């Protein structure tokens, strides 16, 4: 299954025939636009014209069934090539209105004459039965969702490639850190023995050599335990393997990836806190930089 980003954009348009009774006849177009950005949950927002308000439940159902996470904004428009045309009333209707107005003014001389807007309203030319766009807008929404999923899949593929690249760099850093610990322990052991020899010379033989050596070895062992990061490196590699497995699996993996990134950051912090050498500190810092880059990108994965 692909890895999907929550960031995407898609549009779709469709021409539809206007109402048969409309005069003059016109061609109308439906337009639908979907924008999507990252969010913890699925957050849908609709901006629809009045004639498409009734289609919102259908659009919401289609999006709920196709998307899992993201802040999604849906805009729909209705275009007509006759939007600027002026409706014309029939001569017979106009004669009837004039006769009606004359009859009224014969009884009420001060009555205000009909305005153009009133004539259009009374003649019925400004009114038309509302059209049902539900079926057309539903088909259009399906097309837009398909385009959106394709865009989110392309972006998700790019994010997955970036994450795999960072995983490889983290593995290389873990390999660099692993041989540093035995070297540090060996160096510290030699340093402890040297200090105890200096202490013995100052004590003028009052301290048995065997006791001094045992104490030096004990201190070196305690130091080795204190700086040992084998467990941290093992857990870090385990988290890297799990992230790689999730990227291969795909689907709805964003929240699990986010949790694993937190665990990686914890292991890198522990590695830095146990650092007893500048080289190990550098490895820890480089790890945290890569992990932070991964965190920013994981926020966009569904």
Protein backbone atom coordinates (compact mmCIF):
# COMPACT_ATOMS: atom_id res chain seq x y z
CA UNK A 1 0.00 0.00 0.00
CA UNK A 2 1.38 3.49 -0.83
CA UNK A 3 2.44 6.07 1.72
CA UNK A 4 0.13 9.10 1.51
CA UNK A 5 0.97 12.67 2.38
CA UNK A 6 -1.73 14.86 3.89
CA UNK A 7 -0.72 17.74 1.60
CA UNK A 8 -2.43 17.90 -1.77
CA UNK A 9 -4.50 19.92 -4.21
CA UNK A 10 -6.97 18.89 -6.91
CA UNK A 11 -9.61 20.43 -9.16
CA UNK A 12 -12.31 19.07 -11.46
CA UNK A 13 -14.84 20.65 -13.81
CA UNK A 14 -17.88 19.38 -15.65
CA UNK A 15 -20.33 20.95 -18.13
CA UNK A 16 -24.02 20.37 -17.57
CA UNK A 17 -27.15 21.35 -19.49
CA UNK A 18 -29.29 24.05 -17.94
CA UNK A 19 -32.97 23.60 -17.22
CA UNK A 20 -34.99 22.89 -20.34
CA UNK A 21 -37.43 25.71 -19.54
CA UNK A 22 -34.71 28.30 -19.29
CA UNK A 23 -34.85 30.95 -21.96
CA UNK A 24 -32.56 31.68 -23.60
CA UNK A 25 -30.86 28.31 -23.21
CA UNK A 26 -27.42 28.26 -21.56
CA UNK A 27 -24.60 25.89 -20.70
CA UNK A 28 -23.46 25.66 -17.10
CA UNK A 29 -20.24 24.34 -15.59
CA UNK A 30 -19.64 22.90 -12.16
CA UNK A 31 -16.23 23.43 -10.63
CA UNK A 32 -14.82 21.69 -7.54
CA UNK A 33 -11.56 22.44 -5.73
CA UNK A 34 -10.03 20.46 -2.84
CA UNK A 35 -7.10 21.64 -0.74
CA UNK A 36 -5.52 19.46 1.94
CA UNK A 37 -2.85 20.11 4.59
CA UNK A 38 -1.67 18.17 7.62
CA UNK A 39 -3.82 17.74 10.74
CA UNK A 40 -4.08 15.27 13.61
CA UNK A 41 -7.58 14.24 12.48
CA UNK A 42 -9.86 14.60 9.45
CA UNK A 43 -11.18 18.18 9.47
CA UNK A 44 -13.57 19.02 6.61
CA UNK A 45 -14.58 22.56 5.62
CA UNK A 46 -17.06 23.34 2.83
CA UNK A 47 -17.48 26.63 0.95
CA UNK A 48 -20.46 26.12 -1.32
CA UNK A 49 -22.81 28.51 -3.20
CA UNK A 50 -26.46 28.55 -2.22
CA UNK A 51 -27.58 26.24 -5.04
CA UNK A 52 -25.12 23.54 -3.87
CA UNK A 53 -25.80 23.68 -0.13
CA UNK A 54 -27.97 20.59 -0.28
CA UNK A 55 -25.06 18.55 -1.69
CA UNK A 56 -22.86 18.96 1.39
CA UNK A 57 -23.90 15.66 3.10
CA UNK A 58 -23.07 13.71 -0.09
CA UNK A 59 -19.68 15.41 -0.40
CA UNK A 60 -18.91 14.83 3.26
CA UNK A 61 -19.68 11.11 2.96
CA UNK A 62 -17.46 10.72 -0.11
CA UNK A 63 -14.54 12.45 1.62
CA UNK A 64 -15.02 10.53 4.89
CA UNK A 65 -14.82 7.25 2.95
CA UNK A 66 -11.66 8.25 1.06
CA UNK A 67 -9.51 10.25 3.49
CA UNK A 68 -8.30 9.42 7.01
CA UNK A 69 -6.48 12.54 8.19
CA UNK A 70 -5.89 16.12 7.10
CA UNK A 71 -7.43 19.57 7.16
CA UNK A 72 -9.45 19.56 3.95
CA UNK A 73 -11.17 22.55 2.36
CA UNK A 74 -13.73 21.99 -0.41
CA UNK A 75 -14.88 24.81 -2.70
CA UNK A 76 -17.55 24.42 -5.37
CA UNK A 77 -18.74 26.88 -8.02
CA UNK A 78 -21.49 27.09 -10.66
CA UNK A 79 -20.65 28.99 -13.85
CA UNK A 80 -23.11 30.00 -16.58
CA UNK A 81 -22.51 31.61 -19.98
CA UNK A 82 -25.81 33.48 -19.57
CA UNK A 83 -25.14 35.06 -16.19
CA UNK A 84 -25.08 38.59 -17.65
CA UNK A 85 -28.12 38.15 -19.93
CA UNK A 86 -31.40 39.93 -19.15
CA UNK A 87 -34.55 37.78 -19.04
CA UNK A 88 -37.36 38.87 -21.40
CA UNK A 89 -41.06 38.60 -20.58
CA UNK A 90 -43.52 37.63 -23.31
CA UNK A 91 -45.66 40.40 -24.89
CA UNK A 92 -48.85 38.74 -23.69
CA UNK A 93 -47.60 38.75 -20.09
CA UNK A 94 -46.59 42.40 -20.34
CA UNK A 95 -50.08 43.35 -21.67
CA UNK A 96 -51.69 41.54 -18.74
CA UNK A 97 -49.50 43.37 -16.26
CA UNK A 98 -50.26 46.72 -17.87
CA UNK A 99 -54.00 46.05 -17.71
CA UNK A 100 -53.69 45.01 -14.08
CA UNK A 101 -51.69 48.16 -13.26
CA UNK A 102 -54.26 50.41 -15.03
CA UNK A 103 -57.10 48.79 -13.08
CA UNK A 104 -55.27 49.33 -9.80
CA UNK A 105 -54.46 52.97 -10.54
CA UNK A 106 -58.06 53.62 -11.59
CA UNK A 107 -59.01 52.96 -7.95
CA UNK A 108 -55.73 54.19 -6.44
CA UNK A 109 -54.34 57.05 -8.56
CA UNK A 110 -51.35 57.50 -6.24
CA UNK A 111 -50.23 53.88 -6.57
CA UNK A 112 -46.57 53.53 -7.61
CA UNK A 113 -46.06 52.08 -11.11
CA UNK A 114 -44.42 48.69 -11.40
CA UNK A 115 -40.63 48.72 -11.42
CA UNK A 116 -38.62 46.63 -13.88
CA UNK A 117 -37.67 44.19 -11.12
CA UNK A 118 -41.31 43.79 -10.10
CA UNK A 119 -42.35 43.17 -13.69
CA UNK A 120 -39.69 40.46 -14.06
CA UNK A 121 -40.71 38.88 -10.78
CA UNK A 122 -44.44 38.91 -11.53
CA UNK A 123 -43.90 37.65 -15.06
CA UNK A 124 -41.86 34.73 -13.71
CA UNK A 125 -38.80 35.44 -15.87
CA UNK A 126 -36.60 36.06 -12.82
CA UNK A 127 -37.67 32.82 -11.19
CA UNK A 128 -36.80 29.31 -12.22
CA UNK A 129 -37.21 26.02 -10.50
CA UNK A 130 -34.09 25.18 -8.48
CA UNK A 131 -31.95 22.54 -10.15
CA UNK A 132 -30.74 19.46 -8.34
CA UNK A 133 -26.96 19.22 -8.79
CA UNK A 134 -26.47 16.41 -6.30
CA UNK A 135 -25.72 13.66 -8.81
CA UNK A 136 -23.43 15.87 -10.93
CA UNK A 137 -21.51 17.28 -7.99
CA UNK A 138 -21.08 13.77 -6.54
CA UNK A 139 -19.48 12.53 -9.77
CA UNK A 140 -17.32 15.63 -9.89
CA UNK A 141 -16.24 15.07 -6.27
CA UNK A 142 -15.20 11.50 -7.08
CA UNK A 143 -12.97 12.78 -9.88
CA UNK A 144 -11.44 15.44 -7.62
CA UNK A 145 -10.83 12.92 -4.83
CA UNK A 146 -9.08 10.58 -7.28
CA UNK A 147 -6.86 13.48 -8.40
CA UNK A 148 -6.21 14.45 -4.79
CA UNK A 149 -5.22 10.91 -3.81
CA UNK A 150 -2.82 10.78 -6.75
CA UNK A 151 -1.23 14.05 -5.66
CA UNK A 152 -0.99 12.87 -2.05
CA UNK A 153 0.53 9.57 -3.17
CA UNK A 154 3.21 11.35 -5.22
CA UNK A 155 4.06 13.57 -2.26
CA UNK A 156 4.01 10.55 0.07
CA UNK A 157 6.46 8.71 -2.18
CA UNK A 158 8.84 11.67 -1.98
CA UNK A 159 8.54 11.78 1.82
CA UNK A 160 9.19 8.03 2.09
CA UNK A 161 12.33 8.34 -0.03
CA UNK A 162 13.58 11.17 2.16
CA UNK A 163 12.91 9.15 5.34
CA UNK A 164 14.73 6.10 3.96
CA UNK A 165 17.72 8.30 3.16
CA UNK A 166 17.76 9.60 6.77
CA UNK A 167 17.43 6.05 8.08
CA UNK A 168 20.57 5.07 6.16
CA UNK A 169 22.50 8.02 7.59
CA UNK A 170 21.39 7.14 11.13
CA UNK A 171 22.56 3.56 10.66
CA UNK A 172 25.97 4.85 9.54
CA UNK A 173 26.22 7.07 12.64
CA UNK A 174 25.29 4.11 14.88
CA UNK A 175 28.11 2.10 13.28
CA UNK A 176 30.52 4.97 13.94
CA UNK A 177 29.48 5.12 17.62
CA UNK A 178 29.72 1.40 18.33
CA UNK A 179 33.57 0.98 18.27
CA UNK A 180 34.14 4.19 20.23
CA UNK A 181 33.04 2.72 23.58
CA UNK A 182 35.65 -0.12 23.81
CA UNK A 183 38.35 2.38 22.85
CA UNK A 184 37.23 4.76 25.58
CA UNK A 185 37.11 1.98 28.17
CA UNK A 186 40.62 0.80 27.23
CA UNK A 187 41.99 4.33 27.40
CA UNK A 188 40.31 5.00 30.74
CA UNK A 189 41.58 1.70 32.18
CA UNK A 190 45.15 2.63 31.28
CA UNK A 191 44.61 6.07 32.76
CA UNK A 192 43.31 4.60 36.04
CA UNK A 193 46.29 2.23 36.32
CA UNK A 194 48.69 5.06 35.67
CA UNK A 195 47.12 7.18 38.38
CA UNK A 196 47.21 4.33 40.88
CA UNK A 197 50.87 3.75 40.15
CA UNK A 198 51.53 7.41 40.87
CA UNK A 199 49.53 7.10 44.07
CA UNK A 200 51.54 4.00 45.10
CA UNK A 201 54.84 5.79 44.57
CA UNK A 202 53.65 8.63 46.76
CA UNK A 203 52.49 6.14 49.41
CA UNK A 204 56.03 4.68 49.50
CA UNK A 205 54.83 1.05 49.35
CA UNK A 206 52.19 1.33 52.06
CA UNK A 207 49.53 0.13 49.57
CA UNK A 208 49.89 -3.43 48.19
CA UNK A 209 50.25 -3.48 44.37
CA UNK A 210 47.50 -6.08 44.00
CA UNK A 211 45.05 -3.92 45.93
CA UNK A 212 45.87 -0.88 43.86
CA UNK A 213 45.43 -2.76 40.61
CA UNK A 214 42.14 -4.26 41.76
CA UNK A 215 40.87 -0.82 42.69
CA UNK A 216 41.92 0.57 39.33
CA UNK A 217 40.13 -2.26 37.50
CA UNK A 218 37.02 -1.71 39.62
CA UNK A 219 36.97 1.98 38.71
CA UNK A 220 37.51 1.17 35.07
CA UNK A 221 34.62 -1.32 35.15
CA UNK A 222 32.31 1.23 36.78
CA UNK A 223 33.32 3.75 34.13
CA UNK A 224 32.60 1.25 31.34
CA UNK A 225 29.13 0.56 32.75
CA UNK A 226 28.40 4.27 33.08
CA UNK A 227 29.28 5.11 29.48
CA UNK A 228 27.99 1.91 27.87
CA UNK A 229 25.49 2.77 25.10
CA UNK A 230 25.06 -0.71 23.66
CA UNK A 231 21.41 -0.83 24.79
CA UNK A 232 20.68 2.59 23.31
CA UNK A 233 22.23 1.61 19.98
CA UNK A 234 20.28 -1.67 19.96
CA UNK A 235 16.99 0.10 20.64
CA UNK A 236 17.82 2.76 18.06
CA UNK A 237 18.43 0.12 15.39
CA UNK A 238 15.17 -1.59 16.38
CA UNK A 239 13.26 1.67 15.90
CA UNK A 240 14.93 2.21 12.53
CA UNK A 241 13.90 -1.29 11.43
CA UNK A 242 10.31 -0.64 12.50
CA UNK A 243 10.17 2.66 10.61
CA UNK A 244 11.48 0.94 7.50
CA UNK A 245 8.87 -1.80 7.88
CA UNK A 246 6.06 0.77 8.20
CA UNK A 247 7.24 2.66 5.11
CA UNK A 248 7.18 -0.59 3.17
CA UNK A 249 3.72 -1.46 4.49
CA UNK A 250 2.24 2.00 3.76
CA UNK A 251 -1.30 3.06 4.54
CA UNK A 252 -2.27 5.02 7.63
CA UNK A 253 1.11 5.09 9.41
CA UNK A 254 1.64 8.76 10.33
CA UNK A 255 0.78 8.49 14.03
CA UNK A 256 2.96 5.41 14.58
CA UNK A 257 5.86 7.06 12.77
CA UNK A 258 5.48 10.12 14.97
CA UNK A 259 5.74 7.94 18.10
CA UNK A 260 8.85 6.15 16.77
CA UNK A 261 10.50 9.50 15.99
CA UNK A 262 10.02 10.48 19.64
CA UNK A 263 11.70 7.23 20.71
CA UNK A 264 14.62 7.84 18.34
CA UNK A 265 15.08 11.30 19.83
CA UNK A 266 15.12 9.84 23.33
CA UNK A 267 17.85 7.33 22.43
CA UNK A 268 19.95 10.04 20.76
CA UNK A 269 19.63 12.22 23.86
CA UNK A 270 20.74 9.36 26.11
CA UNK A 271 23.67 8.70 23.80
CA UNK A 272 24.74 12.32 24.18
CA UNK A 273 24.32 12.34 27.97
CA UNK A 274 26.57 9.27 28.28
CA UNK A 275 29.18 10.73 25.95
CA UNK A 276 32.72 10.62 27.31
CA UNK A 277 34.42 11.75 24.12
CA UNK A 278 34.04 14.59 21.66
CA UNK A 279 33.54 12.16 18.76
CA UNK A 280 30.59 10.49 20.49
CA UNK A 281 29.06 13.90 21.23
CA UNK A 282 29.33 14.76 17.52
CA UNK A 283 27.57 11.52 16.60
CA UNK A 284 24.75 12.31 19.03
CA UNK A 285 24.31 15.84 17.65
CA UNK A 286 24.30 14.61 14.04
CA UNK A 287 21.69 12.01 14.97
CA UNK A 288 19.42 14.61 16.55
CA UNK A 289 19.67 16.84 13.46
CA UNK A 290 18.59 13.96 11.20
CA UNK A 291 15.80 12.92 13.57
CA UNK A 292 14.45 16.47 13.68
CA UNK A 293 14.38 16.56 9.88
CA UNK A 294 12.43 13.29 9.93
CA UNK A 295 10.00 14.66 12.51
CA UNK A 296 9.12 17.63 10.30
CA UNK A 297 8.33 15.37 7.35
CA UNK A 298 6.49 12.71 9.34
CA UNK A 299 3.99 15.41 10.40
CA UNK A 300 2.75 15.41 6.78
CA UNK A 301 2.20 11.63 6.46
CA UNK A 302 -1.36 10.35 6.77
